[in-house]
Structure formats: structure tokens, C-alpha cells
Amino acid sequence: MSNQKRTATREYINYLHKLTPEAGFDLEELKTYTRTDVRYSNRINESLYFRTNSLEELKPFADMFLNTEGKKIIPNNIAYHLTPRSLAFWVMVDGQQVKRGGVTLCTDSFNSSEISILREALLDKFNISSSIHNKKGKNESIYERIYINKESLDDIKPLLKEHMHDSMLYKINETPDTVTGENSATVTSKSEIDLSSDIGDF
């Protein structure tokens, strides 16, 4: 991970930590921890994270996006909840820069059926054309990721930039000098959320 991306990730987590209380949620203080990553010659990774307290107001989101075992799921009506702001946060959190254009959404945690629901929602709500890029994981597992092509990304960039923090604009191949004003957004989350970023391998 480059120093530029490492700095961007820190800035974004700090941004979320300041933003979330504006939505009325009580937070823990920012914390850091380090760990050794044996995959990369015992490289030391540092993570920055915070949690919300468990609140009854957040339970509907937990019911919507978690199953009874606590596993993340995609509700069938996700298109109803997908807005320019939520799409921008999705890109900031799970987006991966594609320098030739477009952006990849890391959907490794979801099955093929759920990814199809997400792709249909993107098409229905924003006329976004997407395709599947396969990613090889541990034990030769194959994960599906959503790729938004350059043309579709260019079409929705004005909507995304209204809600994206400057530090994350690189994910859509933009720079902060193309955006004016202060970014603001509303954060919604599950009843207890761990908002963390692996500074070493994000």
C-alpha cells in the first residue's frame, strides 16, 4: 500500500469519526492496533478503528443487513435504499481504483445471487453498466467483484463527488482540486459497528 493511500485511509476514518456524532450516534474514541501479517514476510500492519455503542435506533439496519448468525446479507429491496449518498459511501469503503477507468466494488462477502441483486439495483437506480471480475482468494477460492465501466462511472461522477470525502476521490480517478466546499453525509450502521481500516493492506 502506498503512503498516499495509507494517508487517505487515515483521513477518511477520522472524517467518519467526526461525522457520525452529527447523526446522533454515540461513539468510542479512535483506537489503533498493530498486528503481524505472515502473508507478507511478517510485515507489521497498523489499523485505525472505532465503534458505535449498541443503540436501539440502529437495530432496523442490523435486521436488514445481517442474518440470524450475524453474517452480512443483501436485502432484496436494496434498490429502494440505494441513493447517490449511499453509493458514494459504498465506493469510498469498498471501491478499488482502476487506473484505466471505472471502479471495482469489492463484494467478496456476498454470493452470486446477492451480487446479481446489487448489479440490478445499480442498473435500475443509476443506469450503471457493470460486469463481474473474478478474484482468487485463499485456498484457490474465487470471489466475484462488481466492475463499473469507465463510461458509467463518468456519468455518475458528479453525483458521487457531492458526497465523497476528498481523501477518497482517487478511487474514481479524481483529485480534491476538482471539488469545492465541505463534504457532508449521514452515516447509518448496524447496532454495533467496527469502522476500521487496515493501514497496511487496504
N, C-alpha and C. Protein backbone atom coordinates (compact mmCIF):
# COMPACT_ATOMS: atom_id res chain seq x y z
N MET A 1 0.84 -1.19 0.00
CA MET A 1 0.00 0.00 0.00
C MET A 1 0.87 1.24 0.00
N SER A 2 0.59 2.19 -0.87
CA SER A 2 1.40 3.39 -0.97
C SER A 2 1.16 4.31 0.21
N ASN A 3 2.12 5.19 0.46
CA ASN A 3 1.95 6.18 1.52
C ASN A 3 0.75 7.07 1.26
N GLN A 4 0.51 7.38 -0.02
CA GLN A 4 -0.64 8.22 -0.37
C GLN A 4 -1.95 7.57 0.04
N LYS A 5 -2.11 6.27 -0.25
CA LYS A 5 -3.35 5.58 0.10
C LYS A 5 -3.46 5.39 1.61
N ARG A 6 -2.32 5.15 2.27
CA ARG A 6 -2.33 4.99 3.72
C ARG A 6 -2.81 6.28 4.39
N THR A 7 -2.32 7.43 3.91
CA THR A 7 -2.74 8.72 4.45
C THR A 7 -4.21 8.96 4.17
N ALA A 8 -4.67 8.62 2.95
CA ALA A 8 -6.07 8.81 2.58
C ALA A 8 -6.98 8.01 3.49
N THR A 9 -6.57 6.79 3.81
CA THR A 9 -7.39 5.94 4.67
C THR A 9 -7.51 6.52 6.07
N ARG A 10 -6.42 7.00 6.61
CA ARG A 10 -6.45 7.65 7.93
C ARG A 10 -7.38 8.86 7.92
N GLU A 11 -7.26 9.66 6.87
CA GLU A 11 -8.10 10.86 6.79
C GLU A 11 -9.58 10.49 6.73
N TYR A 12 -9.90 9.43 6.01
CA TYR A 12 -11.30 9.03 5.87
C TYR A 12 -11.87 8.51 7.18
N ILE A 13 -11.10 7.70 7.92
CA ILE A 13 -11.57 7.19 9.20
C ILE A 13 -11.78 8.35 10.19
N ASN A 14 -10.88 9.30 10.19
CA ASN A 14 -11.04 10.48 11.05
C ASN A 14 -12.28 11.27 10.65
N TYR A 15 -12.53 11.36 9.35
CA TYR A 15 -13.73 12.03 8.83
C TYR A 15 -14.99 11.34 9.33
N LEU A 16 -15.04 10.01 9.25
CA LEU A 16 -16.20 9.27 9.73
C LEU A 16 -16.40 9.47 11.24
N HIS A 17 -15.30 9.49 11.97
CA HIS A 17 -15.39 9.63 13.42
C HIS A 17 -15.97 10.99 13.81
N LYS A 18 -15.70 12.00 13.00
CA LYS A 18 -16.27 13.32 13.27
C LYS A 18 -17.71 13.41 12.75
N LEU A 19 -17.98 12.71 11.67
CA LEU A 19 -19.29 12.80 11.02
C LEU A 19 -20.38 12.05 11.77
N THR A 20 -20.06 10.87 12.27
CA THR A 20 -21.08 10.02 12.87
C THR A 20 -21.81 10.66 14.05
N PRO A 21 -21.14 11.37 14.97
CA PRO A 21 -21.89 12.02 16.05
C PRO A 21 -22.89 13.05 15.56
N GLU A 22 -22.64 13.64 14.38
CA GLU A 22 -23.59 14.60 13.82
C GLU A 22 -24.92 13.94 13.49
N ALA A 23 -24.89 12.61 13.30
CA ALA A 23 -26.12 11.86 13.05
C ALA A 23 -26.78 11.41 14.35
N GLY A 24 -26.18 11.79 15.48
CA GLY A 24 -26.77 11.48 16.78
C GLY A 24 -26.32 10.19 17.40
N PHE A 25 -25.22 9.59 16.91
CA PHE A 25 -24.73 8.32 17.43
C PHE A 25 -23.56 8.54 18.38
N ASP A 26 -23.60 7.83 19.51
CA ASP A 26 -22.54 7.92 20.50
C ASP A 26 -21.40 6.98 20.11
N LEU A 27 -20.16 7.50 20.16
CA LEU A 27 -19.01 6.74 19.68
C LEU A 27 -17.97 6.51 20.76
N GLU A 28 -17.21 5.45 20.56
CA GLU A 28 -15.98 5.28 21.32
C GLU A 28 -14.91 6.17 20.70
N GLU A 29 -13.82 6.37 21.43
CA GLU A 29 -12.70 7.12 20.88
C GLU A 29 -12.01 6.29 19.80
N LEU A 30 -11.31 6.99 18.90
CA LEU A 30 -10.50 6.30 17.91
C LEU A 30 -9.41 5.48 18.59
N LYS A 31 -9.18 4.29 18.06
CA LYS A 31 -8.16 3.41 18.62
C LYS A 31 -7.28 2.88 17.50
N THR A 32 -6.09 2.49 17.84
CA THR A 32 -5.19 1.86 16.88
C THR A 32 -4.69 0.54 17.44
N TYR A 33 -4.39 -0.38 16.56
CA TYR A 33 -3.72 -1.61 16.98
C TYR A 33 -2.83 -2.09 15.84
N THR A 34 -1.85 -2.85 16.20
CA THR A 34 -0.91 -3.38 15.20
C THR A 34 -0.93 -4.90 15.25
N ARG A 35 -0.60 -5.50 14.11
CA ARG A 35 -0.53 -6.96 14.05
C ARG A 35 0.49 -7.35 12.98
N THR A 36 0.98 -8.54 13.10
CA THR A 36 1.95 -9.06 12.15
C THR A 36 1.23 -9.84 11.06
N ASP A 37 1.50 -9.50 9.81
CA ASP A 37 0.88 -10.17 8.67
C ASP A 37 1.87 -11.18 8.10
N VAL A 38 1.63 -12.45 8.39
CA VAL A 38 2.56 -13.50 7.96
C VAL A 38 2.52 -13.71 6.45
N ARG A 39 1.49 -13.19 5.79
CA ARG A 39 1.39 -13.36 4.34
C ARG A 39 2.47 -12.55 3.61
N TYR A 40 2.93 -11.50 4.26
CA TYR A 40 3.89 -10.60 3.63
C TYR A 40 5.15 -10.46 4.49
N SER A 41 5.83 -11.59 4.70
CA SER A 41 7.12 -11.61 5.41
C SER A 41 7.04 -10.92 6.77
N ASN A 42 5.94 -11.23 7.48
CA ASN A 42 5.74 -10.70 8.84
C ASN A 42 5.73 -9.17 8.89
N ARG A 43 5.16 -8.58 7.85
CA ARG A 43 5.02 -7.12 7.83
C ARG A 43 4.10 -6.67 8.96
N ILE A 44 4.42 -5.56 9.58
CA ILE A 44 3.61 -5.02 10.66
C ILE A 44 2.55 -4.10 10.06
N ASN A 45 1.28 -4.43 10.28
CA ASN A 45 0.16 -3.61 9.82
C ASN A 45 -0.45 -2.86 11.00
N GLU A 46 -0.84 -1.65 10.74
CA GLU A 46 -1.49 -0.83 11.75
C GLU A 46 -2.91 -0.53 11.32
N SER A 47 -3.85 -0.65 12.23
CA SER A 47 -5.25 -0.38 11.94
C SER A 47 -5.78 0.73 12.83
N LEU A 48 -6.64 1.54 12.26
CA LEU A 48 -7.31 2.62 12.98
C LEU A 48 -8.80 2.32 12.96
N TYR A 49 -9.47 2.36 14.11
CA TYR A 49 -10.87 1.96 14.14
C TYR A 49 -11.63 2.65 15.27
N PHE A 50 -12.96 2.58 15.17
CA PHE A 50 -13.83 3.00 16.26
C PHE A 50 -15.13 2.21 16.16
N ARG A 51 -15.90 2.21 17.25
CA ARG A 51 -17.19 1.53 17.29
C ARG A 51 -18.25 2.48 17.79
N THR A 52 -19.47 2.28 17.29
CA THR A 52 -20.61 2.94 17.92
C THR A 52 -21.03 2.10 19.12
N ASN A 53 -21.73 2.72 20.04
CA ASN A 53 -22.35 1.95 21.09
C ASN A 53 -23.60 1.27 20.54
N SER A 54 -24.03 0.21 21.21
CA SER A 54 -25.21 -0.52 20.77
C SER A 54 -26.45 0.33 21.07
N LEU A 55 -27.19 0.69 20.01
CA LEU A 55 -28.34 1.57 20.14
C LEU A 55 -29.57 0.92 19.52
N GLU A 56 -30.70 1.08 20.17
CA GLU A 56 -31.95 0.53 19.67
C GLU A 56 -32.30 1.13 18.31
N GLU A 57 -31.91 2.41 18.09
CA GLU A 57 -32.24 3.07 16.84
C GLU A 57 -31.55 2.43 15.64
N LEU A 58 -30.47 1.71 15.90
CA LEU A 58 -29.73 1.09 14.79
C LEU A 58 -30.17 -0.34 14.51
N LYS A 59 -31.03 -0.88 15.36
CA LYS A 59 -31.43 -2.28 15.20
C LYS A 59 -32.10 -2.57 13.85
N PRO A 60 -32.94 -1.65 13.31
CA PRO A 60 -33.53 -1.95 11.99
C PRO A 60 -32.49 -2.19 10.90
N PHE A 61 -31.34 -1.52 11.00
CA PHE A 61 -30.30 -1.72 10.00
C PHE A 61 -29.62 -3.07 10.18
N ALA A 62 -29.46 -3.47 11.44
CA ALA A 62 -28.91 -4.79 11.71
C ALA A 62 -29.84 -5.88 11.17
N ASP A 63 -31.15 -5.70 11.39
CA ASP A 63 -32.12 -6.67 10.89
C ASP A 63 -32.12 -6.75 9.37
N MET A 64 -31.84 -5.62 8.74
CA MET A 64 -31.88 -5.55 7.28
C MET A 64 -30.64 -6.18 6.65
N PHE A 65 -29.48 -5.96 7.25
CA PHE A 65 -28.23 -6.33 6.59
C PHE A 65 -27.47 -7.47 7.26
N LEU A 66 -28.04 -8.06 8.31
CA LEU A 66 -27.40 -9.21 8.97
C LEU A 66 -28.41 -10.32 9.12
N ASN A 67 -27.97 -11.57 8.92
CA ASN A 67 -28.88 -12.68 9.18
C ASN A 67 -28.81 -13.08 10.65
N THR A 68 -29.48 -14.14 11.02
CA THR A 68 -29.56 -14.52 12.43
C THR A 68 -28.22 -14.95 12.99
N GLU A 69 -27.28 -15.32 12.11
CA GLU A 69 -25.94 -15.70 12.56
C GLU A 69 -24.97 -14.52 12.57
N GLY A 70 -25.47 -13.35 12.20
CA GLY A 70 -24.62 -12.17 12.18
C GLY A 70 -23.83 -11.99 10.90
N LYS A 71 -24.15 -12.77 9.87
CA LYS A 71 -23.45 -12.66 8.59
C LYS A 71 -24.09 -11.57 7.73
N LYS A 72 -23.26 -10.80 7.04
CA LYS A 72 -23.77 -9.75 6.16
C LYS A 72 -24.58 -10.35 5.02
N ILE A 73 -25.69 -9.72 4.71
CA ILE A 73 -26.54 -10.15 3.60
C ILE A 73 -27.00 -8.91 2.82
N ILE A 74 -27.50 -9.15 1.62
CA ILE A 74 -28.07 -8.09 0.79
C ILE A 74 -29.59 -8.29 0.74
N PRO A 75 -30.37 -7.33 1.22
CA PRO A 75 -31.83 -7.47 1.15
C PRO A 75 -32.31 -7.35 -0.30
N ASN A 76 -33.41 -8.00 -0.60
CA ASN A 76 -33.94 -7.98 -1.96
C ASN A 76 -34.35 -6.58 -2.41
N ASN A 77 -34.70 -5.71 -1.44
CA ASN A 77 -35.15 -4.37 -1.79
C ASN A 77 -34.02 -3.33 -1.65
N ILE A 78 -32.78 -3.75 -1.84
CA ILE A 78 -31.65 -2.84 -1.67
C ILE A 78 -31.76 -1.64 -2.60
N ALA A 79 -32.37 -1.82 -3.78
CA ALA A 79 -32.50 -0.71 -4.73
C ALA A 79 -33.28 0.45 -4.11
N TYR A 80 -34.24 0.13 -3.28
CA TYR A 80 -35.06 1.17 -2.63
C TYR A 80 -34.19 2.05 -1.73
N HIS A 81 -33.18 1.47 -1.12
CA HIS A 81 -32.35 2.20 -0.16
C HIS A 81 -31.09 2.81 -0.80
N LEU A 82 -30.84 2.50 -2.06
CA LEU A 82 -29.63 2.97 -2.71
C LEU A 82 -29.84 4.39 -3.24
N THR A 83 -29.05 5.32 -2.73
CA THR A 83 -29.12 6.73 -3.11
C THR A 83 -27.74 7.18 -3.58
N PRO A 84 -27.63 8.36 -4.18
CA PRO A 84 -26.30 8.86 -4.53
C PRO A 84 -25.36 8.91 -3.34
N ARG A 85 -25.88 9.28 -2.17
CA ARG A 85 -25.03 9.34 -0.98
C ARG A 85 -24.57 7.97 -0.53
N SER A 86 -25.49 7.00 -0.49
CA SER A 86 -25.09 5.66 -0.05
C SER A 86 -24.16 5.01 -1.07
N LEU A 87 -24.36 5.30 -2.36
CA LEU A 87 -23.46 4.77 -3.37
C LEU A 87 -22.06 5.37 -3.21
N ALA A 88 -21.99 6.66 -2.89
CA ALA A 88 -20.70 7.30 -2.67
C ALA A 88 -19.96 6.67 -1.50
N PHE A 89 -20.67 6.38 -0.41
CA PHE A 89 -20.02 5.75 0.73
C PHE A 89 -19.63 4.31 0.40
N TRP A 90 -20.42 3.64 -0.40
CA TRP A 90 -20.05 2.29 -0.84
C TRP A 90 -18.73 2.32 -1.61
N VAL A 91 -18.61 3.29 -2.51
CA VAL A 91 -17.37 3.42 -3.28
C VAL A 91 -16.21 3.76 -2.36
N MET A 92 -16.42 4.67 -1.41
CA MET A 92 -15.34 5.06 -0.51
C MET A 92 -14.86 3.90 0.35
N VAL A 93 -15.79 3.06 0.79
CA VAL A 93 -15.42 1.95 1.68
C VAL A 93 -14.92 0.74 0.90
N ASP A 94 -15.64 0.32 -0.13
CA ASP A 94 -15.34 -0.93 -0.82
C ASP A 94 -14.84 -0.75 -2.25
N GLY A 95 -14.71 0.49 -2.68
CA GLY A 95 -14.25 0.73 -4.04
C GLY A 95 -12.75 0.53 -4.19
N GLN A 96 -12.35 0.10 -5.36
CA GLN A 96 -10.95 -0.11 -5.68
C GLN A 96 -10.64 0.62 -6.98
N GLN A 97 -9.64 1.48 -6.93
CA GLN A 97 -9.27 2.27 -8.09
C GLN A 97 -8.87 1.40 -9.27
N VAL A 98 -9.37 1.77 -10.45
CA VAL A 98 -8.94 1.15 -11.70
C VAL A 98 -8.37 2.27 -12.55
N LYS A 99 -7.08 2.30 -12.70
CA LYS A 99 -6.42 3.45 -13.32
C LYS A 99 -6.79 3.66 -14.78
N ARG A 100 -7.18 2.59 -15.46
CA ARG A 100 -7.57 2.75 -16.86
C ARG A 100 -9.00 3.30 -16.99
N GLY A 101 -9.68 3.43 -15.86
CA GLY A 101 -11.04 3.94 -15.85
C GLY A 101 -11.99 2.96 -15.21
N GLY A 102 -13.11 3.45 -14.71
CA GLY A 102 -14.05 2.61 -13.99
C GLY A 102 -13.62 2.44 -12.54
N VAL A 103 -14.37 1.62 -11.82
CA VAL A 103 -14.07 1.34 -10.42
C VAL A 103 -14.58 -0.06 -10.09
N THR A 104 -13.85 -0.77 -9.25
CA THR A 104 -14.25 -2.10 -8.81
C THR A 104 -14.84 -2.01 -7.41
N LEU A 105 -15.97 -2.66 -7.17
CA LEU A 105 -16.58 -2.74 -5.85
C LEU A 105 -16.29 -4.12 -5.28
N CYS A 106 -15.60 -4.16 -4.15
CA CYS A 106 -15.21 -5.43 -3.55
C CYS A 106 -16.39 -6.06 -2.84
N THR A 107 -16.97 -7.06 -3.46
CA THR A 107 -18.17 -7.73 -2.95
C THR A 107 -17.85 -9.16 -2.54
N ASP A 108 -16.63 -9.36 -2.01
CA ASP A 108 -16.14 -10.70 -1.70
C ASP A 108 -17.02 -11.45 -0.70
N SER A 109 -17.73 -10.72 0.17
CA SER A 109 -18.50 -11.36 1.24
C SER A 109 -19.85 -11.90 0.78
N PHE A 110 -20.23 -11.62 -0.48
CA PHE A 110 -21.57 -11.96 -0.92
C PHE A 110 -21.56 -13.07 -1.97
N ASN A 111 -22.67 -13.79 -2.07
CA ASN A 111 -22.78 -14.86 -3.05
C ASN A 111 -23.25 -14.31 -4.40
N SER A 112 -23.27 -15.17 -5.39
CA SER A 112 -23.59 -14.74 -6.75
C SER A 112 -24.99 -14.15 -6.85
N SER A 113 -25.93 -14.72 -6.14
CA SER A 113 -27.30 -14.22 -6.16
C SER A 113 -27.38 -12.81 -5.59
N GLU A 114 -26.68 -12.58 -4.49
CA GLU A 114 -26.70 -11.25 -3.87
C GLU A 114 -26.00 -10.23 -4.76
N ILE A 115 -24.93 -10.64 -5.40
CA ILE A 115 -24.22 -9.73 -6.31
C ILE A 115 -25.10 -9.37 -7.50
N SER A 116 -25.89 -10.31 -7.96
CA SER A 116 -26.84 -10.02 -9.04
C SER A 116 -27.86 -8.99 -8.60
N ILE A 117 -28.33 -9.09 -7.36
CA ILE A 117 -29.27 -8.10 -6.83
C ILE A 117 -28.63 -6.72 -6.80
N LEU A 118 -27.37 -6.65 -6.40
CA LEU A 118 -26.67 -5.37 -6.36
C LEU A 118 -26.50 -4.79 -7.76
N ARG A 119 -26.14 -5.62 -8.71
CA ARG A 119 -25.95 -5.14 -10.08
C ARG A 119 -27.27 -4.64 -10.68
N GLU A 120 -28.34 -5.35 -10.41
CA GLU A 120 -29.65 -4.92 -10.90
C GLU A 120 -30.05 -3.59 -10.27
N ALA A 121 -29.73 -3.42 -8.98
CA ALA A 121 -30.05 -2.16 -8.30
C ALA A 121 -29.27 -1.01 -8.91
N LEU A 122 -27.99 -1.23 -9.21
CA LEU A 122 -27.18 -0.19 -9.83
C LEU A 122 -27.73 0.20 -11.21
N LEU A 123 -28.18 -0.80 -11.95
CA LEU A 123 -28.74 -0.53 -13.28
C LEU A 123 -30.06 0.21 -13.18
N ASP A 124 -30.94 -0.25 -12.28
CA ASP A 124 -32.28 0.34 -12.16
C ASP A 124 -32.23 1.77 -11.62
N LYS A 125 -31.37 2.01 -10.62
CA LYS A 125 -31.36 3.32 -9.97
C LYS A 125 -30.49 4.35 -10.70
N PHE A 126 -29.39 3.90 -11.30
CA PHE A 126 -28.44 4.86 -11.87
C PHE A 126 -28.04 4.56 -13.31
N ASN A 127 -28.69 3.55 -13.91
CA ASN A 127 -28.35 3.15 -15.27
C ASN A 127 -26.86 2.81 -15.39
N ILE A 128 -26.33 2.16 -14.37
CA ILE A 128 -24.91 1.80 -14.33
C ILE A 128 -24.72 0.43 -14.97
N SER A 129 -23.86 0.40 -15.96
CA SER A 129 -23.49 -0.86 -16.59
C SER A 129 -22.33 -1.48 -15.82
N SER A 130 -22.45 -2.75 -15.47
CA SER A 130 -21.41 -3.40 -14.68
C SER A 130 -21.15 -4.80 -15.20
N SER A 131 -20.04 -5.36 -14.76
CA SER A 131 -19.69 -6.73 -15.11
C SER A 131 -19.03 -7.36 -13.89
N ILE A 132 -18.73 -8.64 -14.00
CA ILE A 132 -18.11 -9.38 -12.90
C ILE A 132 -16.63 -9.60 -13.19
N HIS A 133 -15.80 -9.24 -12.21
CA HIS A 133 -14.38 -9.58 -12.25
C HIS A 133 -14.12 -10.60 -11.15
N ASN A 134 -13.49 -11.70 -11.50
CA ASN A 134 -13.20 -12.74 -10.51
C ASN A 134 -11.86 -12.48 -9.83
N LYS A 135 -11.84 -12.71 -8.52
CA LYS A 135 -10.64 -12.52 -7.71
C LYS A 135 -10.33 -13.82 -7.00
N LYS A 136 -9.09 -14.30 -7.15
CA LYS A 136 -8.70 -15.54 -6.49
C LYS A 136 -8.30 -15.24 -5.04
N GLY A 137 -8.90 -15.98 -4.11
CA GLY A 137 -8.60 -15.80 -2.69
C GLY A 137 -7.82 -16.97 -2.12
N LYS A 138 -7.91 -17.09 -0.80
CA LYS A 138 -7.21 -18.18 -0.14
C LYS A 138 -7.79 -19.53 -0.56
N ASN A 139 -6.95 -20.54 -0.52
CA ASN A 139 -7.38 -21.91 -0.85
C ASN A 139 -8.00 -22.00 -2.24
N GLU A 140 -7.51 -21.13 -3.14
CA GLU A 140 -7.97 -21.14 -4.53
C GLU A 140 -9.44 -20.74 -4.67
N SER A 141 -10.03 -20.15 -3.65
CA SER A 141 -11.41 -19.69 -3.74
C SER A 141 -11.52 -18.54 -4.73
N ILE A 142 -12.64 -18.47 -5.42
CA ILE A 142 -12.87 -17.41 -6.39
C ILE A 142 -13.99 -16.50 -5.86
N TYR A 143 -13.69 -15.20 -5.79
CA TYR A 143 -14.67 -14.22 -5.34
C TYR A 143 -15.10 -13.35 -6.52
N GLU A 144 -16.36 -12.96 -6.52
CA GLU A 144 -16.88 -12.10 -7.56
C GLU A 144 -16.89 -10.64 -7.09
N ARG A 145 -16.38 -9.76 -7.94
CA ARG A 145 -16.40 -8.35 -7.66
C ARG A 145 -17.10 -7.61 -8.79
N ILE A 146 -17.79 -6.54 -8.45
CA ILE A 146 -18.53 -5.76 -9.44
C ILE A 146 -17.61 -4.70 -10.04
N TYR A 147 -17.51 -4.69 -11.35
CA TYR A 147 -16.74 -3.67 -12.05
C TYR A 147 -17.69 -2.72 -12.76
N ILE A 148 -17.61 -1.44 -12.43
CA ILE A 148 -18.37 -0.39 -13.12
C ILE A 148 -17.47 0.20 -14.19
N ASN A 149 -17.90 0.14 -15.44
CA ASN A 149 -17.02 0.56 -16.52
C ASN A 149 -16.83 2.07 -16.55
N LYS A 150 -15.85 2.51 -17.29
CA LYS A 150 -15.45 3.91 -17.31
C LYS A 150 -16.59 4.82 -17.74
N GLU A 151 -17.34 4.42 -18.76
CA GLU A 151 -18.43 5.26 -19.26
C GLU A 151 -19.48 5.49 -18.18
N SER A 152 -19.89 4.42 -17.49
CA SER A 152 -20.90 4.55 -16.45
C SER A 152 -20.37 5.38 -15.28
N LEU A 153 -19.11 5.15 -14.91
CA LEU A 153 -18.54 5.91 -13.81
C LEU A 153 -18.48 7.40 -14.15
N ASP A 154 -18.07 7.72 -15.37
CA ASP A 154 -18.01 9.12 -15.77
C ASP A 154 -19.39 9.77 -15.69
N ASP A 155 -20.43 9.01 -16.01
CA ASP A 155 -21.79 9.55 -15.97
C ASP A 155 -22.23 9.91 -14.55
N ILE A 156 -21.80 9.10 -13.57
CA ILE A 156 -22.29 9.32 -12.20
C ILE A 156 -21.29 10.06 -11.32
N LYS A 157 -20.12 10.39 -11.85
CA LYS A 157 -19.13 11.09 -11.03
C LYS A 157 -19.66 12.36 -10.39
N PRO A 158 -20.42 13.21 -11.12
CA PRO A 158 -20.94 14.42 -10.47
C PRO A 158 -21.79 14.12 -9.23
N LEU A 159 -22.58 13.04 -9.29
CA LEU A 159 -23.38 12.66 -8.13
C LEU A 159 -22.50 12.17 -6.99
N LEU A 160 -21.51 11.35 -7.31
CA LEU A 160 -20.64 10.79 -6.29
C LEU A 160 -19.82 11.86 -5.58
N LYS A 161 -19.27 12.78 -6.35
CA LYS A 161 -18.36 13.76 -5.79
C LYS A 161 -19.03 14.69 -4.78
N GLU A 162 -20.34 14.86 -4.90
CA GLU A 162 -21.07 15.68 -3.93
C GLU A 162 -20.98 15.10 -2.52
N HIS A 163 -20.76 13.80 -2.41
CA HIS A 163 -20.82 13.11 -1.12
C HIS A 163 -19.51 12.44 -0.72
N MET A 164 -18.50 12.51 -1.57
CA MET A 164 -17.25 11.82 -1.26
C MET A 164 -16.27 12.74 -0.55
N HIS A 165 -15.57 12.18 0.42
CA HIS A 165 -14.50 12.92 1.09
C HIS A 165 -13.33 13.07 0.13
N ASP A 166 -12.64 14.21 0.24
CA ASP A 166 -11.53 14.48 -0.68
C ASP A 166 -10.50 13.35 -0.70
N SER A 167 -10.25 12.76 0.44
CA SER A 167 -9.20 11.74 0.53
C SER A 167 -9.53 10.48 -0.27
N MET A 168 -10.80 10.27 -0.62
CA MET A 168 -11.21 9.06 -1.32
C MET A 168 -11.47 9.28 -2.81
N LEU A 169 -11.29 10.51 -3.28
CA LEU A 169 -11.56 10.79 -4.68
C LEU A 169 -10.64 10.04 -5.64
N TYR A 170 -9.47 9.65 -5.15
CA TYR A 170 -8.55 8.91 -6.02
C TYR A 170 -9.17 7.62 -6.52
N LYS A 171 -10.15 7.07 -5.78
CA LYS A 171 -10.76 5.80 -6.17
C LYS A 171 -11.55 5.92 -7.47
N ILE A 172 -11.99 7.13 -7.78
CA ILE A 172 -12.69 7.36 -9.05
C ILE A 172 -11.82 8.21 -9.98
N ASN A 173 -10.53 8.19 -9.73
CA ASN A 173 -9.55 8.90 -10.56
C ASN A 173 -9.83 10.40 -10.64
N GLU A 174 -10.19 10.97 -9.49
CA GLU A 174 -10.38 12.41 -9.37
C GLU A 174 -9.43 12.94 -8.31
N THR A 175 -9.27 14.24 -8.26
CA THR A 175 -8.41 14.88 -7.27
C THR A 175 -9.20 15.93 -6.51
N PRO A 176 -8.78 16.26 -5.28
CA PRO A 176 -9.53 17.21 -4.45
C PRO A 176 -9.72 18.57 -5.08
N ASP A 177 -8.81 18.99 -5.96
CA ASP A 177 -8.93 20.34 -6.52
C ASP A 177 -10.10 20.46 -7.49
N THR A 178 -10.76 19.34 -7.80
CA THR A 178 -11.95 19.39 -8.66
C THR A 178 -13.22 19.53 -7.85
N VAL A 179 -13.10 19.57 -6.52
CA VAL A 179 -14.27 19.63 -5.65
C VAL A 179 -14.13 20.84 -4.75
N THR A 180 -15.20 21.58 -4.57
CA THR A 180 -15.19 22.71 -3.66
C THR A 180 -16.19 22.48 -2.55
N GLY A 181 -15.96 23.15 -1.42
CA GLY A 181 -16.89 23.04 -0.32
C GLY A 181 -16.57 21.88 0.59
N GLU A 182 -17.32 21.79 1.69
CA GLU A 182 -17.09 20.79 2.71
C GLU A 182 -17.96 19.58 2.45
N ASN A 183 -17.37 18.40 2.52
CA ASN A 183 -18.14 17.17 2.34
C ASN A 183 -18.99 16.91 3.58
N SER A 184 -20.20 16.41 3.36
CA SER A 184 -21.04 16.04 4.50
C SER A 184 -21.90 14.87 4.09
N ALA A 185 -22.21 14.01 5.06
CA ALA A 185 -23.03 12.84 4.77
C ALA A 185 -23.57 12.29 6.06
N THR A 186 -24.62 11.48 5.92
CA THR A 186 -25.20 10.83 7.08
C THR A 186 -24.78 9.39 7.11
N VAL A 187 -24.31 8.92 8.25
CA VAL A 187 -23.86 7.55 8.40
C VAL A 187 -24.94 6.73 9.06
N THR A 188 -25.24 5.58 8.48
CA THR A 188 -26.10 4.61 9.14
C THR A 188 -25.32 3.34 9.29
N SER A 189 -25.62 2.58 10.33
CA SER A 189 -24.79 1.41 10.59
C SER A 189 -25.57 0.38 11.38
N LYS A 190 -24.96 -0.77 11.59
CA LYS A 190 -25.60 -1.80 12.38
C LYS A 190 -25.51 -1.45 13.86
N SER A 191 -26.14 -2.25 14.73
CA SER A 191 -26.27 -1.88 16.13
C SER A 191 -24.94 -1.72 16.83
N GLU A 192 -23.93 -2.45 16.44
CA GLU A 192 -22.58 -2.20 16.93
C GLU A 192 -21.64 -2.40 15.77
N ILE A 193 -21.02 -1.33 15.32
CA ILE A 193 -20.23 -1.40 14.10
C ILE A 193 -18.77 -1.15 14.40
N ASP A 194 -17.92 -1.87 13.74
CA ASP A 194 -16.48 -1.68 13.85
C ASP A 194 -16.02 -1.03 12.54
N LEU A 195 -15.82 0.28 12.57
CA LEU A 195 -15.37 1.00 11.40
C LEU A 195 -13.86 1.07 11.45
N SER A 196 -13.21 0.18 10.76
CA SER A 196 -11.76 0.11 10.84
C SER A 196 -11.15 0.10 9.46
N SER A 197 -9.89 0.42 9.42
CA SER A 197 -9.18 0.41 8.17
C SER A 197 -7.78 -0.14 8.40
N ASP A 198 -7.41 -1.14 7.62
CA ASP A 198 -6.08 -1.70 7.73
C ASP A 198 -5.13 -0.80 6.94
N ILE A 199 -4.39 -0.02 7.67
CA ILE A 199 -3.49 0.93 7.04
C ILE A 199 -2.47 0.21 6.19
N GLY A 200 -2.14 -1.02 6.54
CA GLY A 200 -1.09 -1.73 5.83
C GLY A 200 -1.52 -2.41 4.55
N ASP A 201 -2.81 -2.77 4.44
CA ASP A 201 -3.16 -3.56 3.25
C ASP A 201 -4.51 -3.20 2.67
N PHE A 202 -5.04 -2.02 2.97
CA PHE A 202 -6.34 -1.59 2.44
C PHE A 202 -6.25 -1.36 0.95
